[in-house]
Every structure is written in structure tokens, then in C-alpha cells.
């Protein structure tokens, strides 16, 4: 999958959920948009944190920022906002969704359906 950095419209939505920058004490924090694009690069391409391009920041800085966003529930907030926006502007079409049912419990039993078939 080819990686594209987020555009200005998407950035307007995302940035309101990002943690505020800390007061200037010591080294200033990297640009949050660069860090967020670095996170998206790893998640989109499937590469490891070691392979983050230098233009997004160091691998440890990008990964640390990702962990901070995870701990603060930022991804869930962004996802819900985008989901609401997608419904409003009709960019999300759920008629093309699929569900992986391998972990859904079997109708008559307490094991997943695949486990029941293997017996």
C-alpha cells in the first residue's frame, strides 16, 4: 500500500485531539504533524519503527508519541469523529464491509465455530 501524508482537511480534524504541547522547558517537541505522519507511515506500510524515515523524527520519538496517543485514547476519539463525519458526508459505505467470523462463538456450544469443525 502506498503511503500518503495526511492533507490539511484531515489535519484540522486530527489536531484537535492531540495532546497540547508542553511548556518550553528544555528541548522543544517535534512538530506533531510530522510525528503523526511518521506513525501513519509505520501503520500504513507495515514497516518496523526502526524504518521510520528521518524526516518524521527519530524512531524512538515517533514510537514514544504513538504510545502517548494510545494511552490517552486519542485514536479512538479521532476514529469516532471521522466516523461521524463520514456518515454525514456519505463517504463511508458500510454495504462493502465484511466480518471475520472465526472468533464468534458457535450457536450451540461455547467454542468458536472453527474449533467445533476440527473435532
PDB file of N, CA and C in Angstrom:
ATOM      1  N   UNK A   1       0.842  -1.169   0.000  1.00  0.00           N
ATOM      2  CA  UNK A   1       0.000   0.000   0.000  1.00  0.00           C
ATOM      3  C   UNK A   1       0.893   1.239   0.000  1.00  0.00           C
ATOM      4  N   UNK A   2       0.597   2.170  -0.876  1.00  0.00           N
ATOM      5  CA  UNK A   2       1.373   3.397  -0.966  1.00  0.00           C
ATOM      6  C   UNK A   2       0.995   4.342   0.175  1.00  0.00           C
ATOM      7  N   UNK A   3       1.979   5.025   0.702  1.00  0.00           N
ATOM      8  CA  UNK A   3       1.741   5.939   1.810  1.00  0.00           C
ATOM      9  C   UNK A   3       1.560   7.354   1.299  1.00  0.00           C
ATOM     10  N   UNK A   4       0.545   8.029   1.822  1.00  0.00           N
ATOM     11  CA  UNK A   4       0.336   9.447   1.547  1.00  0.00           C
ATOM     12  C   UNK A   4       0.176  10.167   2.872  1.00  0.00           C
ATOM     13  N   UNK A   5       0.869  11.285   3.011  1.00  0.00           N
ATOM     14  CA  UNK A   5       0.732  12.072   4.237  1.00  0.00           C
ATOM     15  C   UNK A   5      -0.672  12.660   4.305  1.00  0.00           C
ATOM     16  N   UNK A   6      -1.124  12.960   5.522  1.00  0.00           N
ATOM     17  CA  UNK A   6      -2.477  13.483   5.669  1.00  0.00           C
ATOM     18  C   UNK A   6      -2.551  14.906   5.112  1.00  0.00           C
ATOM     19  N   UNK A   7      -3.690  15.207   4.519  1.00  0.00           N
ATOM     20  CA  UNK A   7      -3.870  16.531   3.932  1.00  0.00           C
ATOM     21  C   UNK A   7      -4.336  17.527   4.997  1.00  0.00           C
ATOM     22  N   UNK A   8      -4.466  18.779   4.597  1.00  0.00           N
ATOM     23  CA  UNK A   8      -4.811  19.843   5.536  1.00  0.00           C
ATOM     24  C   UNK A   8      -6.207  19.660   6.147  1.00  0.00           C
ATOM     25  N   UNK A   9      -7.165  19.170   5.352  1.00  0.00           N
ATOM     26  CA  UNK A   9      -8.521  18.967   5.872  1.00  0.00           C
ATOM     27  C   UNK A   9      -8.545  17.921   6.978  1.00  0.00           C
ATOM     28  N   UNK A  10      -7.864  16.810   6.739  1.00  0.00           N
ATOM     29  CA  UNK A  10      -7.809  15.758   7.752  1.00  0.00           C
ATOM     30  C   UNK A  10      -7.017  16.225   8.969  1.00  0.00           C
ATOM     31  N   UNK A  11      -5.962  17.008   8.737  1.00  0.00           N
ATOM     32  CA  UNK A  11      -5.160  17.506   9.849  1.00  0.00           C
ATOM     33  C   UNK A  11      -5.983  18.402  10.767  1.00  0.00           C
ATOM     34  N   UNK A  12      -6.892  19.180  10.216  1.00  0.00           N
ATOM     35  CA  UNK A  12      -7.759  20.033  11.032  1.00  0.00           C
ATOM     36  C   UNK A  12      -8.583  19.205  12.007  1.00  0.00           C
ATOM     37  N   UNK A  13      -9.035  18.050  11.568  1.00  0.00           N
ATOM     38  CA  UNK A  13      -9.818  17.160  12.440  1.00  0.00           C
ATOM     39  C   UNK A  13      -8.921  16.504  13.475  1.00  0.00           C
ATOM     40  N   UNK A  14      -7.769  15.998  13.035  1.00  0.00           N
ATOM     41  CA  UNK A  14      -6.876  15.232  13.907  1.00  0.00           C
ATOM     42  C   UNK A  14      -6.255  16.099  15.000  1.00  0.00           C
ATOM     43  N   UNK A  15      -5.800  17.286  14.646  1.00  0.00           N
ATOM     44  CA  UNK A  15      -5.007  18.070  15.591  1.00  0.00           C
ATOM     45  C   UNK A  15      -5.777  18.492  16.828  1.00  0.00           C
ATOM     46  N   UNK A  16      -7.088  18.583  16.758  1.00  0.00           N
ATOM     47  CA  UNK A  16      -7.830  18.991  17.950  1.00  0.00           C
ATOM     48  C   UNK A  16      -7.851  17.905  19.024  1.00  0.00           C
ATOM     49  N   UNK A  17      -7.496  16.673  18.666  1.00  0.00           N
ATOM     50  CA  UNK A  17      -7.460  15.576  19.637  1.00  0.00           C
ATOM     51  C   UNK A  17      -6.066  15.306  20.186  1.00  0.00           C
ATOM     52  N   UNK A  18      -5.064  15.895  19.582  1.00  0.00           N
ATOM     53  CA  UNK A  18      -3.689  15.647  20.027  1.00  0.00           C
ATOM     54  C   UNK A  18      -3.418  16.364  21.339  1.00  0.00           C
ATOM     55  N   UNK A  19      -2.572  15.783  22.178  1.00  0.00           N
ATOM     56  CA  UNK A  19      -2.263  16.433  23.462  1.00  0.00           C
ATOM     57  C   UNK A  19      -1.587  17.777  23.225  1.00  0.00           C
ATOM     58  N   UNK A  20      -1.853  18.739  24.111  1.00  0.00           N
ATOM     59  CA  UNK A  20      -1.224  20.056  23.933  1.00  0.00           C
ATOM     60  C   UNK A  20       0.290  19.950  24.098  1.00  0.00           C
ATOM     61  N   UNK A  21       0.988  20.831  23.407  1.00  0.00           N
ATOM     62  CA  UNK A  21       2.444  20.829  23.545  1.00  0.00           C
ATOM     63  C   UNK A  21       2.808  21.325  24.935  1.00  0.00           C
ATOM     64  N   UNK A  22       3.861  20.776  25.464  1.00  0.00           N
ATOM     65  CA  UNK A  22       4.299  21.122  26.809  1.00  0.00           C
ATOM     66  C   UNK A  22       4.949  22.502  26.798  1.00  0.00           C
ATOM     67  N   UNK A  23       4.964  23.163  27.940  1.00  0.00           N
ATOM     68  CA  UNK A  23       5.661  24.453  28.001  1.00  0.00           C
ATOM     69  C   UNK A  23       7.130  24.277  27.614  1.00  0.00           C
ATOM     70  N   UNK A  24       7.684  25.318  27.093  1.00  0.00           N
ATOM     71  CA  UNK A  24       9.062  25.244  26.600  1.00  0.00           C
ATOM     72  C   UNK A  24      10.049  25.132  27.763  1.00  0.00           C
ATOM     73  N   UNK A  25      10.399  23.893  28.068  1.00  0.00           N
ATOM     74  CA  UNK A  25      11.427  23.602  29.069  1.00  0.00           C
ATOM     75  C   UNK A  25      12.345  22.584  28.411  1.00  0.00           C
ATOM     76  N   UNK A  26      13.549  22.946  28.217  1.00  0.00           N
ATOM     77  CA  UNK A  26      14.486  22.035  27.576  1.00  0.00           C
ATOM     78  C   UNK A  26      14.273  22.009  26.074  1.00  0.00           C
ATOM     79  N   UNK A  27      14.478  20.848  25.489  1.00  0.00           N
ATOM     80  CA  UNK A  27      14.368  20.686  24.043  1.00  0.00           C
ATOM     81  C   UNK A  27      12.899  20.746  23.621  1.00  0.00           C
ATOM     82  N   UNK A  28      12.568  21.558  22.608  1.00  0.00           N
ATOM     83  CA  UNK A  28      11.166  21.627  22.162  1.00  0.00           C
ATOM     84  C   UNK A  28      10.742  20.336  21.476  1.00  0.00           C
ATOM     85  N   UNK A  29       9.466  20.013  21.597  1.00  0.00           N
ATOM     86  CA  UNK A  29       8.923  18.807  20.987  1.00  0.00           C
ATOM     87  C   UNK A  29       8.896  18.971  19.468  1.00  0.00           C
ATOM     88  N   UNK A  30       9.048  17.868  18.779  1.00  0.00           N
ATOM     89  CA  UNK A  30       8.972  17.876  17.318  1.00  0.00           C
ATOM     90  C   UNK A  30       7.573  18.301  16.877  1.00  0.00           C
ATOM     91  N   UNK A  31       7.473  18.678  15.633  1.00  0.00           N
ATOM     92  CA  UNK A  31       6.194  19.069  15.053  1.00  0.00           C
ATOM     93  C   UNK A  31       5.214  17.888  15.131  1.00  0.00           C
ATOM     94  N   UNK A  32       4.053  18.068  15.773  1.00  0.00           N
ATOM     95  CA  UNK A  32       3.122  16.946  15.929  1.00  0.00           C
ATOM     96  C   UNK A  32       2.619  16.383  14.599  1.00  0.00           C
ATOM     97  N   UNK A  33       2.521  17.219  13.591  1.00  0.00           N
ATOM     98  CA  UNK A  33       2.063  16.712  12.290  1.00  0.00           C
ATOM     99  C   UNK A  33       3.100  15.770  11.695  1.00  0.00           C
ATOM    100  N   UNK A  34       4.375  16.125  11.817  1.00  0.00           N
ATOM    101  CA  UNK A  34       5.439  15.232  11.333  1.00  0.00           C
ATOM    102  C   UNK A  34       5.411  13.912  12.086  1.00  0.00           C
ATOM    103  N   UNK A  35       5.269  13.983  13.412  1.00  0.00           N
ATOM    104  CA  UNK A  35       5.233  12.761  14.218  1.00  0.00           C
ATOM    105  C   UNK A  35       4.031  11.895  13.846  1.00  0.00           C
ATOM    106  N   UNK A  36       2.885  12.531  13.674  1.00  0.00           N
ATOM    107  CA  UNK A  36       1.672  11.778  13.324  1.00  0.00           C
ATOM    108  C   UNK A  36       1.827  11.128  11.951  1.00  0.00           C
ATOM    109  N   UNK A  37       2.421  11.845  11.003  1.00  0.00           N
ATOM    110  CA  UNK A  37       2.681  11.246   9.691  1.00  0.00           C
ATOM    111  C   UNK A  37       3.669  10.083   9.801  1.00  0.00           C
ATOM    112  N   UNK A  38       4.627  10.183  10.718  1.00  0.00           N
ATOM    113  CA  UNK A  38       5.546   9.068  10.945  1.00  0.00           C
ATOM    114  C   UNK A  38       4.828   7.836  11.470  1.00  0.00           C
ATOM    115  N   UNK A  39       3.889   8.054  12.381  1.00  0.00           N
ATOM    116  CA  UNK A  39       3.088   6.950  12.906  1.00  0.00           C
ATOM    117  C   UNK A  39       2.270   6.322  11.781  1.00  0.00           C
ATOM    118  N   UNK A  40       1.621   7.166  10.994  1.00  0.00           N
ATOM    119  CA  UNK A  40       0.821   6.659   9.878  1.00  0.00           C
ATOM    120  C   UNK A  40       1.679   5.918   8.860  1.00  0.00           C
ATOM    121  N   UNK A  41       2.921   6.368   8.682  1.00  0.00           N
ATOM    122  CA  UNK A  41       3.827   5.685   7.764  1.00  0.00           C
ATOM    123  C   UNK A  41       4.051   4.239   8.209  1.00  0.00           C
ATOM    124  N   UNK A  42       4.338   4.068   9.493  1.00  0.00           N
ATOM    125  CA  UNK A  42       4.581   2.720  10.018  1.00  0.00           C
ATOM    126  C   UNK A  42       3.313   1.868   9.910  1.00  0.00           C
ATOM    127  N   UNK A  43       2.180   2.434  10.298  1.00  0.00           N
ATOM    128  CA  UNK A  43       0.929   1.671  10.285  1.00  0.00           C
ATOM    129  C   UNK A  43       0.456   1.345   8.874  1.00  0.00           C
ATOM    130  N   UNK A  44       0.739   2.224   7.925  1.00  0.00           N
ATOM    131  CA  UNK A  44       0.297   2.003   6.549  1.00  0.00           C
ATOM    132  C   UNK A  44       1.210   1.048   5.800  1.00  0.00           C
ATOM    133  N   UNK A  45       2.512   1.223   5.951  1.00  0.00           N
ATOM    134  CA  UNK A  45       3.449   0.401   5.185  1.00  0.00           C
ATOM    135  C   UNK A  45       3.738  -0.943   5.843  1.00  0.00           C
ATOM    136  N   UNK A  46       3.511  -1.030   7.152  1.00  0.00           N
ATOM    137  CA  UNK A  46       3.797  -2.271   7.857  1.00  0.00           C
ATOM    138  C   UNK A  46       5.263  -2.433   8.223  1.00  0.00           C
ATOM    139  N   UNK A  47       6.057  -1.386   8.051  1.00  0.00           N
ATOM    140  CA  UNK A  47       7.470  -1.483   8.403  1.00  0.00           C
ATOM    141  C   UNK A  47       7.629  -1.411   9.927  1.00  0.00           C
ATOM    142  N   UNK A  48       8.825  -1.653  10.404  1.00  0.00           N
ATOM    143  CA  UNK A  48       9.071  -1.565  11.837  1.00  0.00           C
ATOM    144  C   UNK A  48       9.380  -0.112  12.206  1.00  0.00           C
ATOM    145  N   UNK A  49       9.370   0.159  13.493  1.00  0.00           N
ATOM    146  CA  UNK A  49       9.679   1.513  13.960  1.00  0.00           C
ATOM    147  C   UNK A  49      11.105   1.901  13.593  1.00  0.00           C
ATOM    148  N   UNK A  50      11.978   0.919  13.419  1.00  0.00           N
ATOM    149  CA  UNK A  50      13.359   1.199  13.034  1.00  0.00           C
ATOM    150  C   UNK A  50      13.462   1.829  11.650  1.00  0.00           C
ATOM    151  N   UNK A  51      12.434   1.593  10.809  1.00  0.00           N
ATOM    152  CA  UNK A  51      12.481   2.045   9.422  1.00  0.00           C
ATOM    153  C   UNK A  51      11.731   3.352   9.171  1.00  0.00           C
ATOM    154  N   UNK A  52      11.382   4.075  10.218  1.00  0.00           N
ATOM    155  CA  UNK A  52      10.705   5.361  10.043  1.00  0.00           C
ATOM    156  C   UNK A  52      11.662   6.327   9.347  1.00  0.00           C
ATOM    157  N   UNK A  53      11.244   6.946   8.244  1.00  0.00           N
ATOM    158  CA  UNK A  53      12.128   7.919   7.586  1.00  0.00           C
ATOM    159  C   UNK A  53      12.499   9.062   8.527  1.00  0.00           C
ATOM    160  N   UNK A  54      13.706   9.532   8.421  1.00  0.00           N
ATOM    161  CA  UNK A  54      14.232  10.562   9.323  1.00  0.00           C
ATOM    162  C   UNK A  54      13.442  11.868   9.253  1.00  0.00           C
ATOM    163  N   UNK A  55      12.757  12.119   8.135  1.00  0.00           N
ATOM    164  CA  UNK A  55      12.010  13.375   8.017  1.00  0.00           C
ATOM    165  C   UNK A  55      10.836  13.455   8.989  1.00  0.00           C
ATOM    166  N   UNK A  56      10.433  12.307   9.573  1.00  0.00           N
ATOM    167  CA  UNK A  56       9.337  12.293  10.545  1.00  0.00           C
ATOM    168  C   UNK A  56       9.835  12.360  11.984  1.00  0.00           C
ATOM    169  N   UNK A  57      11.120  12.290  12.170  1.00  0.00           N
ATOM    170  CA  UNK A  57      11.698  12.300  13.507  1.00  0.00           C
ATOM    171  C   UNK A  57      12.425  10.992  13.758  1.00  0.00           C
ATOM    172  N   UNK A  58      13.052  10.882  14.911  1.00  0.00           N
ATOM    173  CA  UNK A  58      13.761   9.636  15.228  1.00  0.00           C
ATOM    174  C   UNK A  58      12.757   8.533  15.510  1.00  0.00           C
ATOM    175  N   UNK A  59      13.209   7.313  15.351  1.00  0.00           N
ATOM    176  CA  UNK A  59      12.314   6.171  15.568  1.00  0.00           C
ATOM    177  C   UNK A  59      11.766   6.146  16.984  1.00  0.00           C
ATOM    178  N   UNK A  60      12.601   6.497  17.939  1.00  0.00           N
ATOM    179  CA  UNK A  60      12.148   6.461  19.328  1.00  0.00           C
ATOM    180  C   UNK A  60      11.156   7.586  19.620  1.00  0.00           C
ATOM    181  N   UNK A  61      11.349   8.752  19.027  1.00  0.00           N
ATOM    182  CA  UNK A  61      10.424   9.867  19.246  1.00  0.00           C
ATOM    183  C   UNK A  61       9.053   9.551  18.645  1.00  0.00           C
ATOM    184  N   UNK A  62       9.049   9.030  17.429  1.00  0.00           N
ATOM    185  CA  UNK A  62       7.781   8.691  16.776  1.00  0.00           C
ATOM    186  C   UNK A  62       7.067   7.595  17.560  1.00  0.00           C
ATOM    187  N   UNK A  63       7.798   6.576  17.982  1.00  0.00           N
ATOM    188  CA  UNK A  63       7.190   5.476  18.727  1.00  0.00           C
ATOM    189  C   UNK A  63       6.682   5.947  20.085  1.00  0.00           C
ATOM    190  N   UNK A  64       7.433   6.783  20.767  1.00  0.00           N
ATOM    191  CA  UNK A  64       7.001   7.315  22.060  1.00  0.00           C
ATOM    192  C   UNK A  64       5.724   8.148  21.917  1.00  0.00           C
ATOM    193  N   UNK A  65       5.648   8.927  20.840  1.00  0.00           N
ATOM    194  CA  UNK A  65       4.446   9.729  20.582  1.00  0.00           C
ATOM    195  C   UNK A  65       3.247   8.813  20.308  1.00  0.00           C
ATOM    196  N   UNK A  66       3.486   7.741  19.570  1.00  0.00           N
ATOM    197  CA  UNK A  66       2.432   6.748  19.311  1.00  0.00           C
ATOM    198  C   UNK A  66       1.921   6.150  20.623  1.00  0.00           C
ATOM    199  N   UNK A  67       2.828   5.788  21.508  1.00  0.00           N
ATOM    200  CA  UNK A  67       2.423   5.215  22.796  1.00  0.00           C
ATOM    201  C   UNK A  67       1.640   6.230  23.628  1.00  0.00           C
ATOM    202  N   UNK A  68       2.036   7.488  23.579  1.00  0.00           N
ATOM    203  CA  UNK A  68       1.315   8.538  24.307  1.00  0.00           C
ATOM    204  C   UNK A  68      -0.113   8.680  23.770  1.00  0.00           C
ATOM    205  N   UNK A  69      -0.252   8.651  22.448  1.00  0.00           N
ATOM    206  CA  UNK A  69      -1.585   8.753  21.850  1.00  0.00           C
ATOM    207  C   UNK A  69      -2.445   7.541  22.211  1.00  0.00           C
ATOM    208  N   UNK A  70      -1.827   6.375  22.275  1.00  0.00           N
ATOM    209  CA  UNK A  70      -2.560   5.166  22.677  1.00  0.00           C
ATOM    210  C   UNK A  70      -3.057   5.287  24.112  1.00  0.00           C
ATOM    211  N   UNK A  71      -2.182   5.693  25.008  1.00  0.00           N
ATOM    212  CA  UNK A  71      -2.532   5.793  26.427  1.00  0.00           C
ATOM    213  C   UNK A  71      -3.644   6.800  26.677  1.00  0.00           C
ATOM    214  N   UNK A  72      -3.675   7.868  25.893  1.00  0.00           N
ATOM    215  CA  UNK A  72      -4.667   8.922  26.112  1.00  0.00           C
ATOM    216  C   UNK A  72      -5.957   8.693  25.331  1.00  0.00           C
ATOM    217  N   UNK A  73      -6.051   7.599  24.585  1.00  0.00           N
ATOM    218  CA  UNK A  73      -7.273   7.293  23.847  1.00  0.00           C
ATOM    219  C   UNK A  73      -7.526   8.218  22.660  1.00  0.00           C
ATOM    220  N   UNK A  74      -6.463   8.796  22.136  1.00  0.00           N
ATOM    221  CA  UNK A  74      -6.604   9.752  21.040  1.00  0.00           C
ATOM    222  C   UNK A  74      -7.098   9.078  19.767  1.00  0.00           C
ATOM    223  N   UNK A  75      -6.615   7.881  19.485  1.00  0.00           N
ATOM    224  CA  UNK A  75      -7.021   7.203  18.250  1.00  0.00           C
ATOM    225  C   UNK A  75      -8.520   6.913  18.233  1.00  0.00           C
ATOM    226  N   UNK A  76      -9.062   6.503  19.364  1.00  0.00           N
ATOM    227  CA  UNK A  76     -10.497   6.225  19.436  1.00  0.00           C
ATOM    228  C   UNK A  76     -11.301   7.497  19.188  1.00  0.00           C
ATOM    229  N   UNK A  77     -10.865   8.607  19.766  1.00  0.00           N
ATOM    230  CA  UNK A  77     -11.573   9.874  19.585  1.00  0.00           C
ATOM    231  C   UNK A  77     -11.521  10.321  18.124  1.00  0.00           C
ATOM    232  N   UNK A  78     -10.362  10.185  17.506  1.00  0.00           N
ATOM    233  CA  UNK A  78     -10.225  10.559  16.092  1.00  0.00           C
ATOM    234  C   UNK A  78     -11.107   9.657  15.240  1.00  0.00           C
ATOM    235  N   UNK A  79     -11.065   8.360  15.511  1.00  0.00           N
ATOM    236  CA  UNK A  79     -11.863   7.412  14.728  1.00  0.00           C
ATOM    237  C   UNK A  79     -13.355   7.736  14.825  1.00  0.00           C
ATOM    238  N   UNK A  80     -13.838   7.991  16.028  1.00  0.00           N
ATOM    239  CA  UNK A  80     -15.258   8.295  16.190  1.00  0.00           C
ATOM    240  C   UNK A  80     -15.644   9.591  15.485  1.00  0.00           C
ATOM    241  N   UNK A  81     -14.776  10.590  15.546  1.00  0.00           N
ATOM    242  CA  UNK A  81     -15.055  11.841  14.849  1.00  0.00           C
ATOM    243  C   UNK A  81     -15.090  11.621  13.338  1.00  0.00           C
ATOM    244  N   UNK A  82     -14.120  10.887  12.819  1.00  0.00           N
ATOM    245  CA  UNK A  82     -14.097  10.614  11.378  1.00  0.00           C
ATOM    246  C   UNK A  82     -15.283   9.762  10.953  1.00  0.00           C
ATOM    247  N   UNK A  83     -15.669   8.837  11.808  1.00  0.00           N
ATOM    248  CA  UNK A  83     -16.823   8.004  11.501  1.00  0.00           C
ATOM    249  C   UNK A  83     -18.082   8.857  11.404  1.00  0.00           C
ATOM    250  N   UNK A  84     -18.257   9.758  12.383  1.00  0.00           N
ATOM    251  CA  UNK A  84     -19.412  10.660  12.344  1.00  0.00           C
ATOM    252  C   UNK A  84     -19.360  11.543  11.094  1.00  0.00           C
ATOM    253  N   UNK A  85     -18.200  12.057  10.776  1.00  0.00           N
ATOM    254  CA  UNK A  85     -18.052  12.898   9.589  1.00  0.00           C
ATOM    255  C   UNK A  85     -18.337  12.109   8.319  1.00  0.00           C
ATOM    256  N   UNK A  86     -17.876  10.873   8.298  1.00  0.00           N
ATOM    257  CA  UNK A  86     -18.113  10.026   7.130  1.00  0.00           C
ATOM    258  C   UNK A  86     -19.581   9.742   6.915  1.00  0.00           C
ATOM    259  N   UNK A  87     -20.310   9.537   7.985  1.00  0.00           N
ATOM    260  CA  UNK A  87     -21.747   9.318   7.850  1.00  0.00           C
ATOM    261  C   UNK A  87     -22.443  10.581   7.365  1.00  0.00           C
ATOM    262  N   UNK A  88     -22.012  11.725   7.877  1.00  0.00           N
ATOM    263  CA  UNK A  88     -22.653  12.979   7.492  1.00  0.00           C
ATOM    264  C   UNK A  88     -22.429  13.306   6.024  1.00  0.00           C
ATOM    265  N   UNK A  89     -21.231  13.045   5.522  1.00  0.00           N
ATOM    266  CA  UNK A  89     -20.942  13.411   4.140  1.00  0.00           C
ATOM    267  C   UNK A  89     -20.987  12.211   3.205  1.00  0.00           C
ATOM    268  N   UNK A  90     -21.468  11.097   3.678  1.00  0.00           N
ATOM    269  CA  UNK A  90     -21.703   9.898   2.861  1.00  0.00           C
ATOM    270  C   UNK A  90     -20.448   9.352   2.199  1.00  0.00           C
ATOM    271  N   UNK A  91     -19.302   9.452   2.888  1.00  0.00           N
ATOM    272  CA  UNK A  91     -18.076   8.877   2.337  1.00  0.00           C
ATOM    273  C   UNK A  91     -17.850   7.453   2.825  1.00  0.00           C
ATOM    274  N   UNK A  92     -18.598   7.037   3.810  1.00  0.00           N
ATOM    275  CA  UNK A  92     -18.461   5.678   4.312  1.00  0.00           C
ATOM    276  C   UNK A  92     -19.674   4.878   3.869  1.00  0.00           C
ATOM    277  N   UNK A  93     -19.416   3.788   3.177  1.00  0.00           N
ATOM    278  CA  UNK A  93     -20.491   2.930   2.693  1.00  0.00           C
ATOM    279  C   UNK A  93     -20.320   1.564   3.343  1.00  0.00           C
ATOM    280  N   UNK A  94     -21.128   1.283   4.341  1.00  0.00           N
ATOM    281  CA  UNK A  94     -20.983   0.033   5.086  1.00  0.00           C
ATOM    282  C   UNK A  94     -21.501  -1.179   4.325  1.00  0.00           C
ATOM    283  N   UNK A  95     -22.055  -0.997   3.156  1.00  0.00           N
ATOM    284  CA  UNK A  95     -22.537  -2.151   2.386  1.00  0.00           C
ATOM    285  C   UNK A  95     -21.379  -2.975   1.838  1.00  0.00           C
ATOM    286  N   UNK A  96     -20.158  -2.453   1.903  1.00  0.00           N
ATOM    287  CA  UNK A  96     -18.993  -3.170   1.396  1.00  0.00           C
ATOM    288  C   UNK A  96     -18.109  -3.704   2.521  1.00  0.00           C
ATOM    289  N   UNK A  97     -18.638  -3.812   3.725  1.00  0.00           N
ATOM    290  CA  UNK A  97     -17.869  -4.301   4.866  1.00  0.00           C
ATOM    291  C   UNK A  97     -17.996  -5.815   4.976  1.00  0.00           C
ATOM    292  N   UNK A  98     -17.002  -6.429   5.580  1.00  0.00           N
ATOM    293  CA  UNK A  98     -17.016  -7.867   5.821  1.00  0.00           C
ATOM    294  C   UNK A  98     -16.591  -8.129   7.252  1.00  0.00           C
ATOM    295  N   UNK A  99     -17.032  -9.240   7.794  1.00  0.00           N
ATOM    296  CA  UNK A  99     -16.679  -9.608   9.155  1.00  0.00           C
ATOM    297  C   UNK A  99     -15.963 -10.944   9.141  1.00  0.00           C
ATOM    298  N   UNK A 100     -14.881 -11.036   9.893  1.00  0.00           N
ATOM    299  CA  UNK A 100     -14.172 -12.296  10.057  1.00  0.00           C
ATOM    300  C   UNK A 100     -14.818 -13.016  11.227  1.00  0.00           C
ATOM    301  N   UNK A 101     -15.436 -14.148  10.969  1.00  0.00           N
ATOM    302  CA  UNK A 101     -16.234 -14.825  11.996  1.00  0.00           C
ATOM    303  C   UNK A 101     -15.492 -15.937  12.722  1.00  0.00           C
ATOM    304  N   UNK A 102     -14.205 -16.051  12.565  1.00  0.00           N
ATOM    305  CA  UNK A 102     -13.509 -17.175  13.185  1.00  0.00           C
ATOM    306  C   UNK A 102     -13.540 -17.129  14.716  1.00  0.00           C
ATOM    307  N   UNK A 103     -13.722 -15.949  15.306  1.00  0.00           N
ATOM    308  CA  UNK A 103     -13.740 -15.844  16.758  1.00  0.00           C
ATOM    309  C   UNK A 103     -15.139 -15.691  17.342  1.00  0.00           C
ATOM    310  N   UNK A 104     -16.152 -15.805  16.515  1.00  0.00           N
ATOM    311  CA  UNK A 104     -17.529 -15.707  17.002  1.00  0.00           C
ATOM    312  C   UNK A 104     -17.933 -17.063  17.568  1.00  0.00           C
ATOM    313  N   UNK A 105     -18.574 -17.055  18.709  1.00  0.00           N
ATOM    314  CA  UNK A 105     -18.977 -18.293  19.351  1.00  0.00           C
ATOM    315  C   UNK A 105     -19.963 -19.080  18.479  1.00  0.00           C
ATOM    316  N   UNK A 106     -19.856 -20.394  18.541  1.00  0.00           N
ATOM    317  CA  UNK A 106     -20.768 -21.261  17.811  1.00  0.00           C
ATOM    318  C   UNK A 106     -22.163 -21.141  18.407  1.00  0.00           C
ATOM    319  N   UNK A 107     -23.180 -21.436  17.599  1.00  0.00           N
ATOM    320  CA  UNK A 107     -24.557 -21.279  18.058  1.00  0.00           C
ATOM    321  C   UNK A 107     -24.883 -22.223  19.208  1.00  0.00           C
ATOM    322  N   UNK A 108     -24.466 -23.486  19.104  1.00  0.00           N
ATOM    323  CA  UNK A 108     -24.751 -24.461  20.160  1.00  0.00           C
ATOM    324  C   UNK A 108     -23.439 -24.938  20.757  1.00  0.00           C
ATOM    325  N   UNK A 109     -22.884 -24.158  21.598  1.00  0.00           N
ATOM    326  CA  UNK A 109     -21.627 -24.544  22.228  1.00  0.00           C
ATOM    327  C   UNK A 109     -20.885 -23.327  22.711  1.00  0.00           C
ATOM    328  N   UNK A 110     -19.800 -23.586  23.391  1.00  0.00           N
ATOM    329  CA  UNK A 110     -19.043 -22.471  23.941  1.00  0.00           C
ATOM    330  C   UNK A 110     -17.697 -22.304  23.255  1.00  0.00           C
ATOM    331  N   UNK A 111     -17.518 -22.946  22.101  1.00  0.00           N
ATOM    332  CA  UNK A 111     -16.272 -22.813  21.376  1.00  0.00           C
ATOM    333  C   UNK A 111     -16.518 -22.135  20.040  1.00  0.00           C
ATOM    334  N   UNK A 112     -15.518 -21.449  19.498  1.00  0.00           N
ATOM    335  CA  UNK A 112     -15.682 -20.861  18.171  1.00  0.00           C
ATOM    336  C   UNK A 112     -16.037 -21.930  17.136  1.00  0.00           C
ATOM    337  N   UNK A 113     -16.688 -21.518  16.088  1.00  0.00           N
ATOM    338  CA  UNK A 113     -17.172 -22.446  15.056  1.00  0.00           C
ATOM    339  C   UNK A 113     -16.044 -23.265  14.464  1.00  0.00           C
ATOM    340  N   UNK A 114     -14.871 -22.691  14.243  1.00  0.00           N
ATOM    341  CA  UNK A 114     -13.762 -23.427  13.645  1.00  0.00           C
ATOM    342  C   UNK A 114     -13.290 -24.547  14.566  1.00  0.00           C
ATOM    343  N   UNK A 115     -13.312 -24.328  15.858  1.00  0.00           N
ATOM    344  CA  UNK A 115     -12.906 -25.362  16.800  1.00  0.00           C
ATOM    345  C   UNK A 115     -13.885 -26.548  16.757  1.00  0.00           C
ATOM    346  N   UNK A 116     -15.153 -26.250  16.604  1.00  0.00           N
ATOM    347  CA  UNK A 116     -16.157 -27.302  16.573  1.00  0.00           C
ATOM    348  C   UNK A 116     -16.010 -28.147  15.314  1.00  0.00           C
ATOM    349  N   UNK A 117     -15.609 -27.554  14.203  1.00  0.00           N
ATOM    350  CA  UNK A 117     -15.457 -28.280  12.944  1.00  0.00           C
ATOM    351  C   UNK A 117     -14.249 -29.200  13.001  1.00  0.00           C
ATOM    352  N   UNK A 118     -13.188 -28.798  13.651  1.00  0.00           N
ATOM    353  CA  UNK A 118     -11.953 -29.586  13.677  1.00  0.00           C
ATOM    354  C   UNK A 118     -12.096 -30.873  14.465  1.00  0.00           C
ATOM    355  N   UNK A 119     -13.054 -30.989  15.339  1.00  0.00           N
ATOM    356  CA  UNK A 119     -13.203 -32.197  16.172  1.00  0.00           C
ATOM    357  C   UNK A 119     -13.708 -33.353  15.432  1.00  0.00           C
TER     358      UNK A 119
END
